[in-house]
Amino acid sequence: MGVEQAGVAWYSTLNEQVPEDRLARVYAYDDLGSHLALPLAQFAAGPAVLLLGLQATLYAAAALILLATLAMVAPSIRALNPKTAEPLPASEDPVPR
């Protein structure tokens, strides 16, 4: 449930904050980073356990998750304001036919 809520918030923010002519490129970089992060982290887990031990690796992973969670409540992120929709001119029909 948390992942879905984060996804809705992320994509809503992208659509509101990124100019339309740059949105495709931002989506492409977002997907690239998302698809690379998991396999790289899984690849690094084995050597990390060998170097640090299982318990230290688990604590390091928990610390990274905590830092990422704290970054989401940073003032710069919390200060994003949604853009308000501009009203349609009175002469236009709001319902396409």
PDB file of N, CA and C in Angstrom:
ATOM      1  N   MET A   1       0.822  -1.181   0.000  1.00  0.00           N
ATOM      2  CA  MET A   1       0.000   0.000   0.000  1.00  0.00           C
ATOM      3  C   MET A   1       0.875   1.259   0.000  1.00  0.00           C
ATOM      4  N   GLY A   2       1.946   1.220   0.773  1.00  0.00           N
ATOM      5  CA  GLY A   2       2.854   2.360   0.816  1.00  0.00           C
ATOM      6  C   GLY A   2       3.542   2.606  -0.510  1.00  0.00           C
ATOM      7  N   VAL A   3       3.904   1.531  -1.207  1.00  0.00           N
ATOM      8  CA  VAL A   3       4.561   1.667  -2.509  1.00  0.00           C
ATOM      9  C   VAL A   3       3.600   2.301  -3.514  1.00  0.00           C
ATOM     10  N   GLU A   4       2.348   1.878  -3.480  1.00  0.00           N
ATOM     11  CA  GLU A   4       1.369   2.452  -4.403  1.00  0.00           C
ATOM     12  C   GLU A   4       1.128   3.934  -4.112  1.00  0.00           C
ATOM     13  N   GLN A   5       1.041   4.286  -2.837  1.00  0.00           N
ATOM     14  CA  GLN A   5       0.840   5.693  -2.462  1.00  0.00           C
ATOM     15  C   GLN A   5       2.033   6.525  -2.913  1.00  0.00           C
ATOM     16  N   ALA A   6       3.227   5.978  -2.719  1.00  0.00           N
ATOM     17  CA  ALA A   6       4.423   6.703  -3.151  1.00  0.00           C
ATOM     18  C   ALA A   6       4.438   6.870  -4.666  1.00  0.00           C
ATOM     19  N   GLY A   7       4.007   5.840  -5.397  1.00  0.00           N
ATOM     20  CA  GLY A   7       3.958   5.938  -6.851  1.00  0.00           C
ATOM     21  C   GLY A   7       2.990   6.999  -7.327  1.00  0.00           C
ATOM     22  N   VAL A   8       1.824   7.054  -6.718  1.00  0.00           N
ATOM     23  CA  VAL A   8       0.841   8.076  -7.088  1.00  0.00           C
ATOM     24  C   VAL A   8       1.392   9.467  -6.796  1.00  0.00           C
ATOM     25  N   ALA A   9       1.994   9.631  -5.625  1.00  0.00           N
ATOM     26  CA  ALA A   9       2.561  10.934  -5.262  1.00  0.00           C
ATOM     27  C   ALA A   9       3.698  11.311  -6.218  1.00  0.00           C
ATOM     28  N   TRP A  10       4.547  10.344  -6.560  1.00  0.00           N
ATOM     29  CA  TRP A  10       5.687  10.611  -7.443  1.00  0.00           C
ATOM     30  C   TRP A  10       5.228  11.042  -8.830  1.00  0.00           C
ATOM     31  N   TYR A  11       4.335  10.270  -9.439  1.00  0.00           N
ATOM     32  CA  TYR A  11       3.913  10.588 -10.795  1.00  0.00           C
ATOM     33  C   TYR A  11       3.047  11.841 -10.846  1.00  0.00           C
ATOM     34  N   SER A  12       2.277  12.095  -9.811  1.00  0.00           N
ATOM     35  CA  SER A  12       1.510  13.347  -9.756  1.00  0.00           C
ATOM     36  C   SER A  12       2.450  14.540  -9.673  1.00  0.00           C
ATOM     37  N   THR A  13       3.475  14.420  -8.845  1.00  0.00           N
ATOM     38  CA  THR A  13       4.445  15.504  -8.703  1.00  0.00           C
ATOM     39  C   THR A  13       5.205  15.734 -10.005  1.00  0.00           C
ATOM     40  N   LEU A  14       5.597  14.655 -10.667  1.00  0.00           N
ATOM     41  CA  LEU A  14       6.293  14.812 -11.953  1.00  0.00           C
ATOM     42  C   LEU A  14       5.424  15.573 -12.945  1.00  0.00           C
ATOM     43  N   ASN A  15       4.165  15.184 -13.040  1.00  0.00           N
ATOM     44  CA  ASN A  15       3.273  15.836 -14.004  1.00  0.00           C
ATOM     45  C   ASN A  15       3.006  17.290 -13.657  1.00  0.00           C
ATOM     46  N   GLU A  16       3.041  17.639 -12.384  1.00  0.00           N
ATOM     47  CA  GLU A  16       2.786  19.023 -11.971  1.00  0.00           C
ATOM     48  C   GLU A  16       4.026  19.897 -12.056  1.00  0.00           C
ATOM     49  N   GLN A  17       5.194  19.347 -11.760  1.00  0.00           N
ATOM     50  CA  GLN A  17       6.397  20.162 -11.589  1.00  0.00           C
ATOM     51  C   GLN A  17       7.323  20.183 -12.802  1.00  0.00           C
ATOM     52  N   VAL A  18       7.226  19.202 -13.674  1.00  0.00           N
ATOM     53  CA  VAL A  18       8.139  19.120 -14.822  1.00  0.00           C
ATOM     54  C   VAL A  18       7.419  19.667 -16.052  1.00  0.00           C
ATOM     55  N   PRO A  19       8.057  20.569 -16.787  1.00  0.00           N
ATOM     56  CA  PRO A  19       7.423  21.094 -18.006  1.00  0.00           C
ATOM     57  C   PRO A  19       7.100  19.965 -18.984  1.00  0.00           C
ATOM     58  N   GLU A  20       6.012  20.124 -19.699  1.00  0.00           N
ATOM     59  CA  GLU A  20       5.507  19.064 -20.574  1.00  0.00           C
ATOM     60  C   GLU A  20       6.518  18.649 -21.635  1.00  0.00           C
ATOM     61  N   ASP A  21       7.305  19.601 -22.153  1.00  0.00           N
ATOM     62  CA  ASP A  21       8.268  19.260 -23.205  1.00  0.00           C
ATOM     63  C   ASP A  21       9.474  18.478 -22.681  1.00  0.00           C
ATOM     64  N   ARG A  22       9.639  18.369 -21.373  1.00  0.00           N
ATOM     65  CA  ARG A  22      10.758  17.622 -20.775  1.00  0.00           C
ATOM     66  C   ARG A  22      10.297  16.372 -20.036  1.00  0.00           C
ATOM     67  N   LEU A  23       9.011  16.147 -20.000  1.00  0.00           N
ATOM     68  CA  LEU A  23       8.457  15.069 -19.188  1.00  0.00           C
ATOM     69  C   LEU A  23       8.904  13.686 -19.671  1.00  0.00           C
ATOM     70  N   ALA A  24       8.952  13.448 -20.960  1.00  0.00           N
ATOM     71  CA  ALA A  24       9.352  12.138 -21.479  1.00  0.00           C
ATOM     72  C   ALA A  24      10.784  11.802 -21.072  1.00  0.00           C
ATOM     73  N   ARG A  25      11.674  12.784 -21.138  1.00  0.00           N
ATOM     74  CA  ARG A  25      13.068  12.535 -20.756  1.00  0.00           C
ATOM     75  C   ARG A  25      13.180  12.241 -19.262  1.00  0.00           C
ATOM     76  N   VAL A  26      12.428  12.960 -18.440  1.00  0.00           N
ATOM     77  CA  VAL A  26      12.460  12.724 -16.993  1.00  0.00           C
ATOM     78  C   VAL A  26      11.915  11.334 -16.677  1.00  0.00           C
ATOM     79  N   TYR A  27      10.837  10.940 -17.355  1.00  0.00           N
ATOM     80  CA  TYR A  27      10.297   9.589 -17.165  1.00  0.00           C
ATOM     81  C   TYR A  27      11.319   8.527 -17.568  1.00  0.00           C
ATOM     82  N   ALA A  28      12.051   8.767 -18.642  1.00  0.00           N
ATOM     83  CA  ALA A  28      13.048   7.801 -19.101  1.00  0.00           C
ATOM     84  C   ALA A  28      14.169   7.644 -18.071  1.00  0.00           C
ATOM     85  N   TYR A  29      14.673   8.756 -17.548  1.00  0.00           N
ATOM     86  CA  TYR A  29      15.713   8.668 -16.513  1.00  0.00           C
ATOM     87  C   TYR A  29      15.176   8.025 -15.241  1.00  0.00           C
ATOM     88  N   ASP A  30      13.932   8.313 -14.898  1.00  0.00           N
ATOM     89  CA  ASP A  30      13.313   7.712 -13.723  1.00  0.00           C
ATOM     90  C   ASP A  30      13.237   6.194 -13.882  1.00  0.00           C
ATOM     91  N   ASP A  31      12.779   5.735 -15.037  1.00  0.00           N
ATOM     92  CA  ASP A  31      12.685   4.293 -15.273  1.00  0.00           C
ATOM     93  C   ASP A  31      14.056   3.634 -15.283  1.00  0.00           C
ATOM     94  N   LEU A  32      15.020   4.276 -15.904  1.00  0.00           N
ATOM     95  CA  LEU A  32      16.373   3.726 -15.934  1.00  0.00           C
ATOM     96  C   LEU A  32      16.923   3.561 -14.518  1.00  0.00           C
ATOM     97  N   GLY A  33      16.785   4.602 -13.712  1.00  0.00           N
ATOM     98  CA  GLY A  33      17.264   4.512 -12.334  1.00  0.00           C
ATOM     99  C   GLY A  33      16.525   3.467 -11.522  1.00  0.00           C
ATOM    100  N   SER A  34      15.220   3.370 -11.733  1.00  0.00           N
ATOM    101  CA  SER A  34      14.425   2.389 -10.998  1.00  0.00           C
ATOM    102  C   SER A  34      14.798   0.962 -11.382  1.00  0.00           C
ATOM    103  N   HIS A  35      15.025   0.734 -12.674  1.00  0.00           N
ATOM    104  CA  HIS A  35      15.336  -0.620 -13.117  1.00  0.00           C
ATOM    105  C   HIS A  35      16.779  -1.013 -12.817  1.00  0.00           C
ATOM    106  N   LEU A  36      17.668  -0.078 -12.694  1.00  0.00           N
ATOM    107  CA  LEU A  36      19.058  -0.401 -12.370  1.00  0.00           C
ATOM    108  C   LEU A  36      19.293  -0.572 -10.875  1.00  0.00           C
ATOM    109  N   ALA A  37      18.535   0.120 -10.054  1.00  0.00           N
ATOM    110  CA  ALA A  37      18.807   0.137  -8.614  1.00  0.00           C
ATOM    111  C   ALA A  37      18.655  -1.239  -7.973  1.00  0.00           C
ATOM    112  N   LEU A  38      17.590  -1.946  -8.268  1.00  0.00           N
ATOM    113  CA  LEU A  38      17.354  -3.240  -7.619  1.00  0.00           C
ATOM    114  C   LEU A  38      18.409  -4.287  -7.966  1.00  0.00           C
ATOM    115  N   PRO A  39      18.719  -4.526  -9.242  1.00  0.00           N
ATOM    116  CA  PRO A  39      19.752  -5.531  -9.525  1.00  0.00           C
ATOM    117  C   PRO A  39      21.127  -5.145  -8.977  1.00  0.00           C
ATOM    118  N   LEU A  40      21.444  -3.857  -9.016  1.00  0.00           N
ATOM    119  CA  LEU A  40      22.744  -3.439  -8.469  1.00  0.00           C
ATOM    120  C   LEU A  40      22.805  -3.660  -6.963  1.00  0.00           C
ATOM    121  N   ALA A  41      21.715  -3.360  -6.282  1.00  0.00           N
ATOM    122  CA  ALA A  41      21.680  -3.588  -4.834  1.00  0.00           C
ATOM    123  C   ALA A  41      21.753  -5.078  -4.515  1.00  0.00           C
ATOM    124  N   GLN A  42      21.052  -5.901  -5.286  1.00  0.00           N
ATOM    125  CA  GLN A  42      21.107  -7.349  -5.067  1.00  0.00           C
ATOM    126  C   GLN A  42      22.508  -7.884  -5.364  1.00  0.00           C
ATOM    127  N   PHE A  43      23.149  -7.350  -6.378  1.00  0.00           N
ATOM    128  CA  PHE A  43      24.510  -7.761  -6.709  1.00  0.00           C
ATOM    129  C   PHE A  43      25.492  -7.370  -5.603  1.00  0.00           C
ATOM    130  N   ALA A  44      25.271  -6.214  -5.001  1.00  0.00           N
ATOM    131  CA  ALA A  44      26.193  -5.732  -3.959  1.00  0.00           C
ATOM    132  C   ALA A  44      25.958  -6.404  -2.612  1.00  0.00           C
ATOM    133  N   ALA A  45      24.805  -7.019  -2.409  1.00  0.00           N
ATOM    134  CA  ALA A  45      24.489  -7.600  -1.099  1.00  0.00           C
ATOM    135  C   ALA A  45      25.440  -8.744  -0.738  1.00  0.00           C
ATOM    136  N   GLY A  46      25.731  -9.610  -1.680  1.00  0.00           N
ATOM    137  CA  GLY A  46      26.616 -10.746  -1.385  1.00  0.00           C
ATOM    138  C   GLY A  46      28.004 -10.308  -0.932  1.00  0.00           C
ATOM    139  N   PRO A  47      28.698  -9.470  -1.721  1.00  0.00           N
ATOM    140  CA  PRO A  47      30.016  -9.002  -1.276  1.00  0.00           C
ATOM    141  C   PRO A  47      29.960  -8.202   0.033  1.00  0.00           C
ATOM    142  N   ALA A  48      28.869  -7.467   0.247  1.00  0.00           N
ATOM    143  CA  ALA A  48      28.744  -6.700   1.491  1.00  0.00           C
ATOM    144  C   ALA A  48      28.672  -7.632   2.687  1.00  0.00           C
ATOM    145  N   VAL A  49      27.956  -8.747   2.548  1.00  0.00           N
ATOM    146  CA  VAL A  49      27.876  -9.718   3.647  1.00  0.00           C
ATOM    147  C   VAL A  49      29.250 -10.326   3.906  1.00  0.00           C
ATOM    148  N   LEU A  50      29.996 -10.632   2.853  1.00  0.00           N
ATOM    149  CA  LEU A  50      31.330 -11.202   3.025  1.00  0.00           C
ATOM    150  C   LEU A  50      32.286 -10.209   3.689  1.00  0.00           C
ATOM    151  N   LEU A  51      32.165  -8.934   3.316  1.00  0.00           N
ATOM    152  CA  LEU A  51      33.055  -7.910   3.876  1.00  0.00           C
ATOM    153  C   LEU A  51      32.667  -7.485   5.289  1.00  0.00           C
ATOM    154  N   LEU A  52      31.387  -7.239   5.509  1.00  0.00           N
ATOM    155  CA  LEU A  52      30.921  -6.654   6.765  1.00  0.00           C
ATOM    156  C   LEU A  52      30.290  -7.658   7.715  1.00  0.00           C
ATOM    157  N   GLY A  53      29.840  -8.764   7.198  1.00  0.00           N
ATOM    158  CA  GLY A  53      29.077  -9.716   7.990  1.00  0.00           C
ATOM    159  C   GLY A  53      27.588  -9.457   7.805  1.00  0.00           C
ATOM    160  N   LEU A  54      26.787 -10.475   8.117  1.00  0.00           N
ATOM    161  CA  LEU A  54      25.352 -10.384   7.871  1.00  0.00           C
ATOM    162  C   LEU A  54      24.699  -9.289   8.702  1.00  0.00           C
ATOM    163  N   GLN A  55      24.991  -9.249   9.992  1.00  0.00           N
ATOM    164  CA  GLN A  55      24.319  -8.274  10.859  1.00  0.00           C
ATOM    165  C   GLN A  55      24.669  -6.831  10.473  1.00  0.00           C
ATOM    166  N   ALA A  56      25.933  -6.562  10.211  1.00  0.00           N
ATOM    167  CA  ALA A  56      26.341  -5.201   9.823  1.00  0.00           C
ATOM    168  C   ALA A  56      25.713  -4.801   8.485  1.00  0.00           C
ATOM    169  N   THR A  57      25.605  -5.756   7.557  1.00  0.00           N
ATOM    170  CA  THR A  57      24.981  -5.465   6.265  1.00  0.00           C
ATOM    171  C   THR A  57      23.510  -5.123   6.440  1.00  0.00           C
ATOM    172  N   LEU A  58      22.814  -5.880   7.290  1.00  0.00           N
ATOM    173  CA  LEU A  58      21.402  -5.601   7.542  1.00  0.00           C
ATOM    174  C   LEU A  58      21.223  -4.232   8.206  1.00  0.00           C
ATOM    175  N   TYR A  59      22.102  -3.896   9.154  1.00  0.00           N
ATOM    176  CA  TYR A  59      22.021  -2.568   9.782  1.00  0.00           C
ATOM    177  C   TYR A  59      22.318  -1.455   8.771  1.00  0.00           C
ATOM    178  N   ALA A  60      23.277  -1.681   7.883  1.00  0.00           N
ATOM    179  CA  ALA A  60      23.585  -0.678   6.860  1.00  0.00           C
ATOM    180  C   ALA A  60      22.405  -0.497   5.911  1.00  0.00           C
ATOM    181  N   ALA A  61      21.757  -1.588   5.526  1.00  0.00           N
ATOM    182  CA  ALA A  61      20.582  -1.492   4.660  1.00  0.00           C
ATOM    183  C   ALA A  61      19.455  -0.744   5.365  1.00  0.00           C
ATOM    184  N   ALA A  62      19.257  -1.043   6.646  1.00  0.00           N
ATOM    185  CA  ALA A  62      18.223  -0.332   7.409  1.00  0.00           C
ATOM    186  C   ALA A  62      18.539   1.156   7.504  1.00  0.00           C
ATOM    187  N   ALA A  63      19.814   1.491   7.671  1.00  0.00           N
ATOM    188  CA  ALA A  63      20.206   2.903   7.735  1.00  0.00           C
ATOM    189  C   ALA A  63      19.943   3.616   6.406  1.00  0.00           C
ATOM    190  N   LEU A  64      20.222   2.943   5.289  1.00  0.00           N
ATOM    191  CA  LEU A  64      19.943   3.538   3.979  1.00  0.00           C
ATOM    192  C   LEU A  64      18.452   3.774   3.786  1.00  0.00           C
ATOM    193  N   ILE A  65      17.637   2.820   4.207  1.00  0.00           N
ATOM    194  CA  ILE A  65      16.185   2.982   4.099  1.00  0.00           C
ATOM    195  C   ILE A  65      15.721   4.134   4.973  1.00  0.00           C
ATOM    196  N   LEU A  66      16.265   4.245   6.179  1.00  0.00           N
ATOM    197  CA  LEU A  66      15.905   5.344   7.074  1.00  0.00           C
ATOM    198  C   LEU A  66      16.304   6.694   6.480  1.00  0.00           C
ATOM    199  N   LEU A  67      17.504   6.790   5.910  1.00  0.00           N
ATOM    200  CA  LEU A  67      17.942   8.044   5.284  1.00  0.00           C
ATOM    201  C   LEU A  67      17.053   8.426   4.107  1.00  0.00           C
ATOM    202  N   ALA A  68      16.673   7.444   3.290  1.00  0.00           N
ATOM    203  CA  ALA A  68      15.794   7.733   2.152  1.00  0.00           C
ATOM    204  C   ALA A  68      14.426   8.209   2.641  1.00  0.00           C
ATOM    205  N   THR A  69      13.937   7.596   3.711  1.00  0.00           N
ATOM    206  CA  THR A  69      12.645   8.003   4.266  1.00  0.00           C
ATOM    207  C   THR A  69      12.721   9.410   4.838  1.00  0.00           C
ATOM    208  N   LEU A  70      13.801   9.739   5.541  1.00  0.00           N
ATOM    209  CA  LEU A  70      13.962  11.081   6.094  1.00  0.00           C
ATOM    210  C   LEU A  70      14.116  12.122   4.993  1.00  0.00           C
ATOM    211  N   ALA A  71      14.743  11.742   3.886  1.00  0.00           N
ATOM    212  CA  ALA A  71      14.897  12.687   2.770  1.00  0.00           C
ATOM    213  C   ALA A  71      13.552  13.084   2.190  1.00  0.00           C
ATOM    214  N   MET A  72      12.562  12.181   2.279  1.00  0.00           N
ATOM    215  CA  MET A  72      11.241  12.491   1.732  1.00  0.00           C
ATOM    216  C   MET A  72      10.512  13.559   2.538  1.00  0.00           C
ATOM    217  N   VAL A  73      10.903  13.758   3.781  1.00  0.00           N
ATOM    218  CA  VAL A  73      10.241  14.789   4.586  1.00  0.00           C
ATOM    219  C   VAL A  73      11.105  16.042   4.715  1.00  0.00           C
ATOM    220  N   ALA A  74      12.124  16.141   3.880  1.00  0.00           N
ATOM    221  CA  ALA A  74      12.984  17.323   3.885  1.00  0.00           C
ATOM    222  C   ALA A  74      12.163  18.564   3.526  1.00  0.00           C
ATOM    223  N   PRO A  75      12.536  19.720   4.070  1.00  0.00           N
ATOM    224  CA  PRO A  75      11.762  20.935   3.786  1.00  0.00           C
ATOM    225  C   PRO A  75      11.635  21.249   2.300  1.00  0.00           C
ATOM    226  N   SER A  76      12.654  20.980   1.504  1.00  0.00           N
ATOM    227  CA  SER A  76      12.558  21.295   0.079  1.00  0.00           C
ATOM    228  C   SER A  76      11.510  20.431  -0.616  1.00  0.00           C
ATOM    229  N   ILE A  77      11.366  19.199  -0.194  1.00  0.00           N
ATOM    230  CA  ILE A  77      10.354  18.317  -0.782  1.00  0.00           C
ATOM    231  C   ILE A  77       8.974  18.703  -0.274  1.00  0.00           C
ATOM    232  N   ARG A  78       8.865  18.990   1.002  1.00  0.00           N
ATOM    233  CA  ARG A  78       7.573  19.327   1.590  1.00  0.00           C
ATOM    234  C   ARG A  78       7.069  20.685   1.114  1.00  0.00           C
ATOM    235  N   ALA A  79       7.957  21.522   0.570  1.00  0.00           N
ATOM    236  CA  ALA A  79       7.564  22.867   0.136  1.00  0.00           C
ATOM    237  C   ALA A  79       6.963  22.883  -1.268  1.00  0.00           C
ATOM    238  N   LEU A  80       6.953  21.736  -1.958  1.00  0.00           N
ATOM    239  CA  LEU A  80       6.357  21.706  -3.289  1.00  0.00           C
ATOM    240  C   LEU A  80       4.864  21.969  -3.179  1.00  0.00           C
ATOM    241  N   ASN A  81       4.403  22.928  -3.926  1.00  0.00           N
ATOM    242  CA  ASN A  81       2.979  23.254  -3.922  1.00  0.00           C
ATOM    243  C   ASN A  81       2.353  22.801  -5.223  1.00  0.00           C
ATOM    244  N   PRO A  82       1.202  22.153  -5.147  1.00  0.00           N
ATOM    245  CA  PRO A  82       0.555  21.746  -6.398  1.00  0.00           C
ATOM    246  C   PRO A  82       0.118  22.958  -7.202  1.00  0.00           C
ATOM    247  N   LYS A  83       0.228  22.845  -8.495  1.00  0.00           N
ATOM    248  CA  LYS A  83      -0.226  23.928  -9.364  1.00  0.00           C
ATOM    249  C   LYS A  83      -1.743  23.892  -9.432  1.00  0.00           C
ATOM    250  N   THR A  84      -2.328  25.049  -9.457  1.00  0.00           N
ATOM    251  CA  THR A  84      -3.785  25.112  -9.560  1.00  0.00           C
ATOM    252  C   THR A  84      -4.189  25.079 -11.025  1.00  0.00           C
ATOM    253  N   ALA A  85      -5.288  24.436 -11.286  1.00  0.00           N
ATOM    254  CA  ALA A  85      -5.783  24.353 -12.659  1.00  0.00           C
ATOM    255  C   ALA A  85      -6.316  25.705 -13.084  1.00  0.00           C
ATOM    256  N   GLU A  86      -6.003  26.085 -14.310  1.00  0.00           N
ATOM    257  CA  GLU A  86      -6.498  27.358 -14.833  1.00  0.00           C
ATOM    258  C   GLU A  86      -7.936  27.156 -15.299  1.00  0.00           C
ATOM    259  N   PRO A  87      -8.810  28.088 -14.969  1.00  0.00           N
ATOM    260  CA  PRO A  87     -10.202  27.931 -15.404  1.00  0.00           C
ATOM    261  C   PRO A  87     -10.333  28.073 -16.917  1.00  0.00           C
ATOM    262  N   LEU A  88     -11.282  27.352 -17.465  1.00  0.00           N
ATOM    263  CA  LEU A  88     -11.556  27.450 -18.901  1.00  0.00           C
ATOM    264  C   LEU A  88     -12.232  28.785 -19.196  1.00  0.00           C
ATOM    265  N   PRO A  89     -11.962  29.360 -20.354  1.00  0.00           N
ATOM    266  CA  PRO A  89     -12.698  30.575 -20.735  1.00  0.00           C
ATOM    267  C   PRO A  89     -14.196  30.256 -20.846  1.00  0.00           C
ATOM    268  N   ALA A  90     -15.007  31.219 -20.558  1.00  0.00           N
ATOM    269  CA  ALA A  90     -16.461  31.004 -20.539  1.00  0.00           C
ATOM    270  C   ALA A  90     -17.009  30.615 -21.901  1.00  0.00           C
ATOM    271  N   SER A  91     -16.336  30.970 -22.972  1.00  0.00           N
ATOM    272  CA  SER A  91     -16.857  30.686 -24.312  1.00  0.00           C
ATOM    273  C   SER A  91     -16.611  29.247 -24.754  1.00  0.00           C
ATOM    274  N   GLU A  92     -15.705  28.523 -24.079  1.00  0.00           N
ATOM    275  CA  GLU A  92     -15.388  27.157 -24.489  1.00  0.00           C
ATOM    276  C   GLU A  92     -16.311  26.165 -23.807  1.00  0.00           C
ATOM    277  N   ASP A  93     -16.653  25.120 -24.516  1.00  0.00           N
ATOM    278  CA  ASP A  93     -17.470  24.048 -23.977  1.00  0.00           C
ATOM    279  C   ASP A  93     -16.554  23.104 -23.198  1.00  0.00           C
ATOM    280  N   PRO A  94     -16.739  22.903 -21.888  1.00  0.00           N
ATOM    281  CA  PRO A  94     -15.834  22.070 -21.109  1.00  0.00           C
ATOM    282  C   PRO A  94     -15.970  20.573 -21.432  1.00  0.00           C
ATOM    283  N   VAL A  95     -17.054  20.164 -22.049  1.00  0.00           N
ATOM    284  CA  VAL A  95     -17.269  18.770 -22.373  1.00  0.00           C
ATOM    285  C   VAL A  95     -17.129  18.587 -23.880  1.00  0.00           C
ATOM    286  N   PRO A  96     -16.067  17.844 -24.331  1.00  0.00           N
ATOM    287  CA  PRO A  96     -15.909  17.627 -25.769  1.00  0.00           C
ATOM    288  C   PRO A  96     -17.033  16.749 -26.294  1.00  0.00           C
ATOM    289  N   ARG A  97     -17.478  17.055 -27.495  1.00  0.00           N
ATOM    290  CA  ARG A  97     -18.580  16.273 -28.097  1.00  0.00           C
ATOM    291  C   ARG A  97     -18.104  15.529 -29.304  1.00  0.00           C
TER     292      ARG A  97
END
